[in-house]
Amino acid sequence: MTRDEAPDVTQDASRTVFELWRQDDNGNRFLMSGHPDRATAEAAVAAMEAGVQHKQLYFLVERAR
């Protein structure tokens, strides 16, 4: 499949997943969860950051399914 034949996932939200990742203070990265839309993914980030503060970085990655 060429790039021109690849489906445009930006137009089809059902084909996208938002992954919540955590990076610790040693640079290790861990997949925490996957979410069907940005709103629920951002809510999960907010919930993780609301607890006791640690040297953790939480970030989202948007991926095509």
N, C-alpha and C. Protein backbone atom coordinates (compact mmCIF):
# COMPACT_ATOMS: atom_id res chain seq x y z
N MET A 1 0.85 -1.17 0.00
CA MET A 1 0.00 0.00 0.00
C MET A 1 0.89 1.23 0.00
N THR A 2 0.60 2.14 -0.88
CA THR A 2 1.38 3.38 -0.93
C THR A 2 0.77 4.40 0.03
N ARG A 3 1.49 5.46 0.24
CA ARG A 3 1.00 6.52 1.13
C ARG A 3 -0.31 7.09 0.61
N ASP A 4 -0.46 7.21 -0.70
CA ASP A 4 -1.68 7.76 -1.28
C ASP A 4 -2.88 6.83 -1.07
N GLU A 5 -2.63 5.54 -0.93
CA GLU A 5 -3.70 4.57 -0.74
C GLU A 5 -4.08 4.40 0.73
N ALA A 6 -3.24 4.87 1.62
CA ALA A 6 -3.49 4.69 3.05
C ALA A 6 -4.73 5.49 3.47
N PRO A 7 -5.56 4.92 4.34
CA PRO A 7 -6.75 5.65 4.78
C PRO A 7 -6.38 6.87 5.61
N ASP A 8 -7.18 7.90 5.51
CA ASP A 8 -6.97 9.12 6.27
C ASP A 8 -7.63 8.97 7.63
N VAL A 9 -6.86 8.60 8.65
CA VAL A 9 -7.44 8.35 9.97
C VAL A 9 -7.83 9.63 10.68
N THR A 10 -7.36 10.76 10.22
CA THR A 10 -7.73 12.02 10.87
C THR A 10 -9.20 12.34 10.63
N GLN A 11 -9.80 11.76 9.60
CA GLN A 11 -11.20 12.01 9.29
C GLN A 11 -12.13 10.99 9.93
N ASP A 12 -11.59 9.94 10.53
CA ASP A 12 -12.40 8.87 11.09
C ASP A 12 -11.98 8.64 12.54
N ALA A 13 -12.69 9.28 13.47
CA ALA A 13 -12.32 9.20 14.88
C ALA A 13 -12.40 7.79 15.43
N SER A 14 -13.23 6.93 14.83
CA SER A 14 -13.34 5.56 15.33
C SER A 14 -12.08 4.76 15.05
N ARG A 15 -11.20 5.28 14.24
CA ARG A 15 -9.97 4.58 13.90
C ARG A 15 -8.77 5.15 14.64
N THR A 16 -9.03 5.95 15.67
CA THR A 16 -7.97 6.59 16.43
C THR A 16 -8.09 6.19 17.90
N VAL A 17 -6.94 5.99 18.53
CA VAL A 17 -6.91 5.72 19.97
C VAL A 17 -5.93 6.71 20.59
N PHE A 18 -6.25 7.15 21.79
CA PHE A 18 -5.37 8.05 22.53
C PHE A 18 -4.76 7.26 23.67
N GLU A 19 -3.44 7.14 23.65
CA GLU A 19 -2.72 6.37 24.66
C GLU A 19 -2.19 7.31 25.74
N LEU A 20 -2.36 6.91 26.98
CA LEU A 20 -1.81 7.64 28.12
C LEU A 20 -0.51 6.96 28.52
N TRP A 21 0.57 7.70 28.46
CA TRP A 21 1.90 7.19 28.81
C TRP A 21 2.42 7.90 30.04
N ARG A 22 3.26 7.20 30.80
CA ARG A 22 3.94 7.77 31.96
C ARG A 22 5.43 7.61 31.76
N GLN A 23 6.16 8.67 32.04
CA GLN A 23 7.62 8.61 32.02
C GLN A 23 8.12 8.91 33.42
N ASP A 24 8.95 8.00 33.96
CA ASP A 24 9.45 8.21 35.32
C ASP A 24 10.72 9.06 35.29
N ASP A 25 11.25 9.33 36.47
CA ASP A 25 12.42 10.20 36.58
C ASP A 25 13.69 9.58 36.02
N ASN A 26 13.65 8.29 35.68
CA ASN A 26 14.80 7.64 35.05
C ASN A 26 14.65 7.57 33.53
N GLY A 27 13.56 8.12 33.00
CA GLY A 27 13.34 8.13 31.56
C GLY A 27 12.61 6.90 31.04
N ASN A 28 12.22 5.99 31.92
CA ASN A 28 11.48 4.80 31.50
C ASN A 28 10.05 5.19 31.18
N ARG A 29 9.52 4.66 30.08
CA ARG A 29 8.16 4.98 29.66
C ARG A 29 7.27 3.75 29.75
N PHE A 30 6.03 3.99 30.20
CA PHE A 30 5.07 2.90 30.39
C PHE A 30 3.72 3.31 29.83
N LEU A 31 3.11 2.42 29.07
CA LEU A 31 1.75 2.65 28.59
C LEU A 31 0.80 2.40 29.75
N MET A 32 0.02 3.41 30.10
CA MET A 32 -0.90 3.30 31.23
C MET A 32 -2.29 2.85 30.80
N SER A 33 -2.80 3.44 29.71
CA SER A 33 -4.16 3.10 29.27
C SER A 33 -4.39 3.64 27.86
N GLY A 34 -5.47 3.16 27.25
CA GLY A 34 -5.89 3.63 25.93
C GLY A 34 -7.31 4.16 26.02
N HIS A 35 -7.61 5.20 25.24
CA HIS A 35 -8.92 5.85 25.31
C HIS A 35 -9.45 6.13 23.90
N PRO A 36 -10.76 6.05 23.72
CA PRO A 36 -11.33 6.22 22.39
C PRO A 36 -11.39 7.67 21.91
N ASP A 37 -11.25 8.62 22.83
CA ASP A 37 -11.30 10.02 22.42
C ASP A 37 -10.40 10.87 23.32
N ARG A 38 -10.08 12.06 22.83
CA ARG A 38 -9.16 12.94 23.54
C ARG A 38 -9.71 13.37 24.90
N ALA A 39 -11.01 13.62 24.99
CA ALA A 39 -11.60 14.11 26.24
C ALA A 39 -11.40 13.12 27.38
N THR A 40 -11.67 11.85 27.14
CA THR A 40 -11.49 10.86 28.21
C THR A 40 -10.01 10.65 28.52
N ALA A 41 -9.18 10.76 27.51
CA ALA A 41 -7.74 10.63 27.73
C ALA A 41 -7.21 11.78 28.58
N GLU A 42 -7.66 13.00 28.28
CA GLU A 42 -7.23 14.15 29.07
C GLU A 42 -7.76 14.07 30.50
N ALA A 43 -8.96 13.52 30.68
CA ALA A 43 -9.50 13.33 32.03
C ALA A 43 -8.63 12.34 32.81
N ALA A 44 -8.15 11.31 32.13
CA ALA A 44 -7.28 10.33 32.78
C ALA A 44 -5.95 10.97 33.18
N VAL A 45 -5.41 11.82 32.32
CA VAL A 45 -4.17 12.54 32.66
C VAL A 45 -4.41 13.41 33.90
N ALA A 46 -5.51 14.14 33.91
CA ALA A 46 -5.82 15.01 35.05
C ALA A 46 -5.95 14.20 36.34
N ALA A 47 -6.57 13.04 36.25
CA ALA A 47 -6.72 12.19 37.44
C ALA A 47 -5.36 11.71 37.94
N MET A 48 -4.47 11.35 37.02
CA MET A 48 -3.15 10.88 37.42
C MET A 48 -2.33 12.01 38.05
N GLU A 49 -2.46 13.20 37.52
CA GLU A 49 -1.68 14.34 38.02
C GLU A 49 -2.27 14.94 39.29
N ALA A 50 -3.49 14.57 39.65
CA ALA A 50 -4.15 15.15 40.82
C ALA A 50 -3.66 14.55 42.14
N GLY A 51 -3.01 13.43 42.09
CA GLY A 51 -2.55 12.77 43.31
C GLY A 51 -1.29 13.40 43.86
N VAL A 52 -0.62 12.66 44.71
CA VAL A 52 0.64 13.11 45.29
C VAL A 52 1.64 13.34 44.16
N GLN A 53 2.32 14.47 44.21
CA GLN A 53 3.26 14.82 43.15
C GLN A 53 4.52 13.97 43.22
N HIS A 54 4.86 13.36 42.11
CA HIS A 54 6.08 12.58 41.97
C HIS A 54 6.83 13.12 40.76
N LYS A 55 7.98 12.58 40.53
CA LYS A 55 8.76 12.96 39.35
C LYS A 55 8.29 12.14 38.15
N GLN A 56 7.03 12.31 37.81
CA GLN A 56 6.42 11.58 36.70
C GLN A 56 5.95 12.57 35.65
N LEU A 57 6.03 12.17 34.42
CA LEU A 57 5.50 12.96 33.32
C LEU A 57 4.42 12.11 32.66
N TYR A 58 3.23 12.65 32.51
CA TYR A 58 2.14 11.96 31.84
C TYR A 58 1.89 12.67 30.52
N PHE A 59 1.74 11.90 29.45
CA PHE A 59 1.51 12.50 28.14
C PHE A 59 0.65 11.58 27.28
N LEU A 60 0.02 12.19 26.28
CA LEU A 60 -0.85 11.45 25.38
C LEU A 60 -0.18 11.27 24.03
N VAL A 61 -0.47 10.13 23.42
CA VAL A 61 -0.03 9.85 22.06
C VAL A 61 -1.26 9.43 21.27
N GLU A 62 -1.50 10.09 20.16
CA GLU A 62 -2.62 9.73 19.29
C GLU A 62 -2.12 8.75 18.24
N ARG A 63 -2.80 7.61 18.14
CA ARG A 63 -2.37 6.58 17.19
C ARG A 63 -3.56 6.09 16.36
N ALA A 64 -3.27 5.72 15.15
CA ALA A 64 -4.28 5.07 14.31
C ALA A 64 -4.39 3.62 14.75
N ARG A 65 -5.59 3.10 14.72
CA ARG A 65 -5.79 1.69 15.09
C ARG A 65 -5.42 0.79 13.95
